């Protein structure tokens, strides 16, 4: 998830830059709908050898224009970006809500650029959740997630979500909310990391890393140190020697 678009957002969105001074809100309230993402999973739900199919693998450096569409993971309801941004921003003090809501909306526009760049299916909840995981992972660990690794992560989620009992019973409106809020929060966290690289703010960065840790652990139910993203996608659990 090399957010070249992060530079675009930082250059054009003054409100977003201001919003980075705001302590991040707690993990989204919708987490109870489907989290943990992998109920009853083993320590490592995915690897290069299992939990995947050849059709979902993407070679490094290539666009994933052939990413398969899974109708079960699509958010078919109309977009509600502004409303969902305001809902997330409502978790912070009133004086900060408008700036944060604008920042989330701008982050979602940046996410859509990434979605188009990588040739990912539009309105796919799996892509939004991949952005949520990757963005918080980047913010916590101060690393980048390459495009190919992000595409692989999205493919894993596209396979896994239909088997998640909570997700399979979600309404169309709930899927739309999950898609938009996951994408905007994950992209916002990734762009915040770039903002701190450009203009260090040690205290604010510490708050963001703590929020990223809480979000990852809420979603994946393992310690953040046991979450890894590489060319094979997402791995959970202690790394084997």
Protein backbone atom coordinates (compact mmCIF):
# COMPACT_ATOMS: atom_id res chain seq x y z
CA UNK A 1 0.00 0.00 0.00
CA UNK A 2 2.60 2.49 -1.08
CA UNK A 3 0.54 5.61 -0.62
CA UNK A 4 1.95 7.90 -3.24
CA UNK A 5 -1.54 9.31 -2.89
CA UNK A 6 -0.57 10.19 0.69
CA UNK A 7 1.66 12.93 -0.67
CA UNK A 8 -1.24 14.19 -2.76
CA UNK A 9 -3.50 14.34 0.27
CA UNK A 10 -0.89 16.05 2.41
CA UNK A 11 -0.26 18.67 -0.25
CA UNK A 12 -3.91 19.45 -0.93
CA UNK A 13 -5.72 18.89 2.37
CA UNK A 14 -4.94 21.48 4.99
CA UNK A 15 -7.79 20.25 7.16
CA UNK A 16 -6.27 16.76 7.16
CA UNK A 17 -2.95 18.11 8.40
CA UNK A 18 -4.75 19.88 11.24
CA UNK A 19 -6.64 16.73 12.08
CA UNK A 20 -3.40 14.89 12.86
CA UNK A 21 -3.16 16.97 16.02
CA UNK A 22 -6.32 15.25 17.27
CA UNK A 23 -5.86 12.06 19.31
CA UNK A 24 -7.37 9.22 17.24
CA UNK A 25 -10.74 7.87 18.36
CA UNK A 26 -11.01 4.33 19.76
CA UNK A 27 -11.47 1.38 17.39
CA UNK A 28 -14.70 1.70 15.37
CA UNK A 29 -17.92 0.77 17.12
CA UNK A 30 -18.85 -1.60 14.29
CA UNK A 31 -16.16 -4.06 15.33
CA UNK A 32 -18.69 -6.26 17.13
CA UNK A 33 -20.43 -7.04 13.86
CA UNK A 34 -17.82 -9.39 12.47
CA UNK A 35 -14.65 -9.17 14.54
CA UNK A 36 -12.65 -11.25 15.13
CA UNK A 37 -12.18 -11.58 11.41
CA UNK A 38 -11.02 -15.17 11.70
CA UNK A 39 -13.08 -16.89 14.44
CA UNK A 40 -11.68 -20.20 15.57
CA UNK A 41 -8.65 -19.84 13.34
CA UNK A 42 -5.26 -21.34 13.98
CA UNK A 43 -2.42 -19.02 14.96
CA UNK A 44 -1.53 -18.48 11.31
CA UNK A 45 -4.74 -18.36 9.24
CA UNK A 46 -2.89 -17.71 5.99
CA UNK A 47 0.41 -18.62 4.46
CA UNK A 48 1.89 -18.96 1.03
CA UNK A 49 0.95 -22.64 1.05
CA UNK A 50 -2.56 -22.66 2.54
CA UNK A 51 -5.72 -20.60 2.70
CA UNK A 52 -5.17 -19.30 -0.80
CA UNK A 53 -5.82 -20.13 -4.39
CA UNK A 54 -3.69 -19.54 -7.44
CA UNK A 55 -6.23 -17.09 -8.83
CA UNK A 56 -5.74 -14.72 -5.89
CA UNK A 57 -1.96 -14.44 -6.10
CA UNK A 58 -0.50 -11.33 -7.63
CA UNK A 59 3.02 -10.98 -8.91
CA UNK A 60 5.01 -8.08 -7.49
CA UNK A 61 4.99 -5.02 -9.68
CA UNK A 62 1.86 -5.96 -11.60
CA UNK A 63 -1.53 -4.35 -11.34
CA UNK A 64 -4.29 -6.65 -10.10
CA UNK A 65 -6.75 -5.78 -12.85
CA UNK A 66 -7.76 -9.45 -12.90
CA UNK A 67 -8.76 -9.47 -9.21
CA UNK A 68 -11.81 -11.72 -9.01
CA UNK A 69 -15.12 -10.27 -7.89
CA UNK A 70 -16.93 -12.04 -5.07
CA UNK A 71 -20.54 -10.86 -4.96
CA UNK A 72 -20.78 -11.92 -1.31
CA UNK A 73 -18.29 -9.25 -0.24
CA UNK A 74 -19.68 -6.34 -2.25
CA UNK A 75 -21.39 -3.34 -0.63
CA UNK A 76 -24.38 -2.85 -2.91
CA UNK A 77 -26.12 -0.09 -0.96
CA UNK A 78 -25.65 3.57 -2.07
CA UNK A 79 -22.57 5.40 -0.81
CA UNK A 80 -22.87 7.34 2.47
CA UNK A 81 -19.32 8.67 2.81
CA UNK A 82 -20.13 11.96 4.53
CA UNK A 83 -22.51 10.38 7.05
CA UNK A 84 -20.07 7.60 7.88
CA UNK A 85 -17.21 10.08 8.24
CA UNK A 86 -19.27 12.18 10.65
CA UNK A 87 -20.17 9.07 12.63
CA UNK A 88 -16.51 8.15 13.12
CA UNK A 89 -15.64 11.75 13.99
CA UNK A 90 -18.38 11.82 16.63
CA UNK A 91 -16.07 9.78 18.87
CA UNK A 92 -13.80 12.80 19.48
CA UNK A 93 -14.61 16.06 21.38
CA UNK A 94 -17.18 18.33 19.62
CA UNK A 95 -14.70 21.10 18.73
CA UNK A 96 -12.62 18.63 16.68
CA UNK A 97 -15.37 16.73 14.91
CA UNK A 98 -15.74 18.82 11.76
CA UNK A 99 -12.02 18.79 10.95
CA UNK A 100 -11.78 15.06 11.56
CA UNK A 101 -14.90 14.32 9.50
CA UNK A 102 -13.40 16.26 6.57
CA UNK A 103 -10.12 14.40 6.99
CA UNK A 104 -11.89 11.04 6.92
CA UNK A 105 -13.82 12.02 3.78
CA UNK A 106 -10.60 13.10 2.07
CA UNK A 107 -8.92 9.88 3.16
CA UNK A 108 -11.69 7.88 1.53
CA UNK A 109 -11.18 9.74 -1.75
CA UNK A 110 -7.51 8.82 -1.51
CA UNK A 111 -8.45 5.20 -0.86
CA UNK A 112 -10.57 5.16 -4.03
CA UNK A 113 -7.52 6.31 -5.98
CA UNK A 114 -5.59 3.37 -4.58
CA UNK A 115 -8.44 0.98 -5.41
CA UNK A 116 -8.45 2.17 -9.02
CA UNK A 117 -4.66 2.12 -9.28
CA UNK A 118 -4.53 -1.52 -8.19
CA UNK A 119 -7.49 -2.62 -10.31
CA UNK A 120 -9.41 -3.90 -7.28
CA UNK A 121 -13.16 -4.57 -7.44
CA UNK A 122 -15.18 -1.48 -6.60
CA UNK A 123 -17.28 -1.38 -3.43
CA UNK A 124 -15.65 -4.53 -2.08
CA UNK A 125 -15.70 -4.79 1.72
CA UNK A 126 -12.58 -6.98 1.55
CA UNK A 127 -10.59 -4.09 0.09
CA UNK A 128 -11.82 -1.69 2.77
CA UNK A 129 -10.87 -4.08 5.55
CA UNK A 130 -7.48 -4.63 3.90
CA UNK A 131 -6.95 -0.85 4.03
CA UNK A 132 -7.96 -0.84 7.71
CA UNK A 133 -5.45 -3.57 8.57
CA UNK A 134 -2.64 -2.28 6.35
CA UNK A 135 -3.04 1.37 7.36
CA UNK A 136 -2.94 0.62 11.07
CA UNK A 137 -0.07 -1.82 10.55
CA UNK A 138 1.92 0.87 8.74
CA UNK A 139 1.18 3.45 11.42
CA UNK A 140 2.17 1.14 14.26
CA UNK A 141 5.33 -0.32 12.74
CA UNK A 142 6.49 2.69 10.72
CA UNK A 143 6.74 0.65 7.53
CA UNK A 144 5.20 0.60 4.09
CA UNK A 145 3.12 -2.25 2.71
CA UNK A 146 3.96 -2.76 -0.98
CA UNK A 147 1.13 -2.81 -3.49
CA UNK A 148 1.48 -6.54 -4.20
CA UNK A 149 1.26 -7.38 -0.50
CA UNK A 150 -1.84 -5.22 -0.13
CA UNK A 151 -3.52 -6.93 -3.10
CA UNK A 152 -2.70 -10.31 -1.57
CA UNK A 153 -4.17 -9.25 1.78
CA UNK A 154 -7.37 -8.08 0.07
CA UNK A 155 -7.62 -11.41 -1.78
CA UNK A 156 -7.31 -13.31 1.50
CA UNK A 157 -10.11 -11.29 3.03
CA UNK A 158 -12.24 -11.75 -0.08
CA UNK A 159 -11.96 -15.51 0.46
CA UNK A 160 -12.42 -15.42 4.24
CA UNK A 161 -15.28 -12.97 4.75
CA UNK A 162 -18.07 -15.14 3.27
CA UNK A 163 -17.11 -17.83 5.81
CA UNK A 164 -17.35 -15.40 8.74
CA UNK A 165 -20.68 -16.00 10.55
CA UNK A 166 -21.09 -12.36 11.51
CA UNK A 167 -20.38 -11.05 8.03
CA UNK A 168 -22.74 -13.47 6.30
CA UNK A 169 -25.69 -12.11 8.29
CA UNK A 170 -24.89 -8.41 7.86
CA UNK A 171 -27.40 -6.18 6.09
CA UNK A 172 -26.48 -4.30 2.93
CA UNK A 173 -26.37 -1.04 4.87
CA UNK A 174 -24.00 -2.56 7.43
CA UNK A 175 -21.69 -3.81 4.67
CA UNK A 176 -21.61 -0.33 3.12
CA UNK A 177 -20.76 1.18 6.50
CA UNK A 178 -18.04 -1.38 7.14
CA UNK A 179 -16.51 -0.81 3.70
CA UNK A 180 -16.45 2.97 3.91
CA UNK A 181 -15.42 3.37 7.54
CA UNK A 182 -12.70 0.71 7.31
CA UNK A 183 -11.23 2.27 4.17
CA UNK A 184 -11.32 5.83 5.48
CA UNK A 185 -9.83 4.99 8.86
CA UNK A 186 -7.07 2.78 7.46
CA UNK A 187 -6.09 5.30 4.79
CA UNK A 188 -6.19 8.13 7.32
CA UNK A 189 -3.76 6.25 9.58
CA UNK A 190 -1.42 5.56 6.66
CA UNK A 191 -1.46 9.22 5.60
CA UNK A 192 -0.90 10.32 9.21
CA UNK A 193 2.31 8.27 9.22
CA UNK A 194 3.51 10.18 6.17
CA UNK A 195 2.56 13.47 7.81
CA UNK A 196 4.70 12.62 10.83
CA UNK A 197 7.63 11.73 8.59
CA UNK A 198 7.34 15.15 6.98
CA UNK A 199 6.73 17.05 10.21
CA UNK A 200 7.55 15.04 13.36
CA UNK A 201 5.19 15.38 16.30
CA UNK A 202 6.44 12.83 18.86
CA UNK A 203 3.51 13.11 21.29
CA UNK A 204 0.86 12.91 18.57
CA UNK A 205 2.68 10.06 16.85
CA UNK A 206 2.73 8.11 20.09
CA UNK A 207 -1.04 8.53 20.36
CA UNK A 208 -1.53 7.34 16.78
CA UNK A 209 0.64 4.29 17.27
CA UNK A 210 -1.30 3.38 20.41
CA UNK A 211 -4.57 3.75 18.47
CA UNK A 212 -3.20 1.61 15.63
CA UNK A 213 -2.24 -1.11 18.09
CA UNK A 214 -5.71 -1.07 19.66
CA UNK A 215 -7.42 -1.26 16.27
CA UNK A 216 -5.31 -4.17 15.04
CA UNK A 217 -5.73 -6.15 18.24
CA UNK A 218 -9.50 -5.52 18.25
CA UNK A 219 -9.79 -6.79 14.68
CA UNK A 220 -7.41 -9.72 14.76
CA UNK A 221 -7.46 -10.83 18.43
CA UNK A 222 -3.72 -11.42 18.71
CA UNK A 223 -0.96 -9.18 20.12
CA UNK A 224 0.13 -6.61 17.56
CA UNK A 225 3.66 -8.03 17.58
CA UNK A 226 2.21 -11.25 16.13
CA UNK A 227 0.67 -9.54 13.11
CA UNK A 228 2.77 -9.54 9.93
CA UNK A 229 2.14 -8.55 6.33
CA UNK A 230 4.52 -9.68 3.62
CA UNK A 231 4.49 -10.85 0.01
CA UNK A 232 2.28 -13.81 1.01
CA UNK A 233 -0.20 -11.53 2.73
CA UNK A 234 -1.33 -11.56 6.34
CA UNK A 235 0.15 -13.83 9.02
CA UNK A 236 -1.01 -14.11 12.61
CA UNK A 237 0.84 -15.72 15.49
CA UNK A 238 4.44 -16.05 16.46
CA UNK A 239 6.86 -16.39 13.59
CA UNK A 240 8.34 -19.84 13.25
CA UNK A 241 12.15 -20.05 13.29
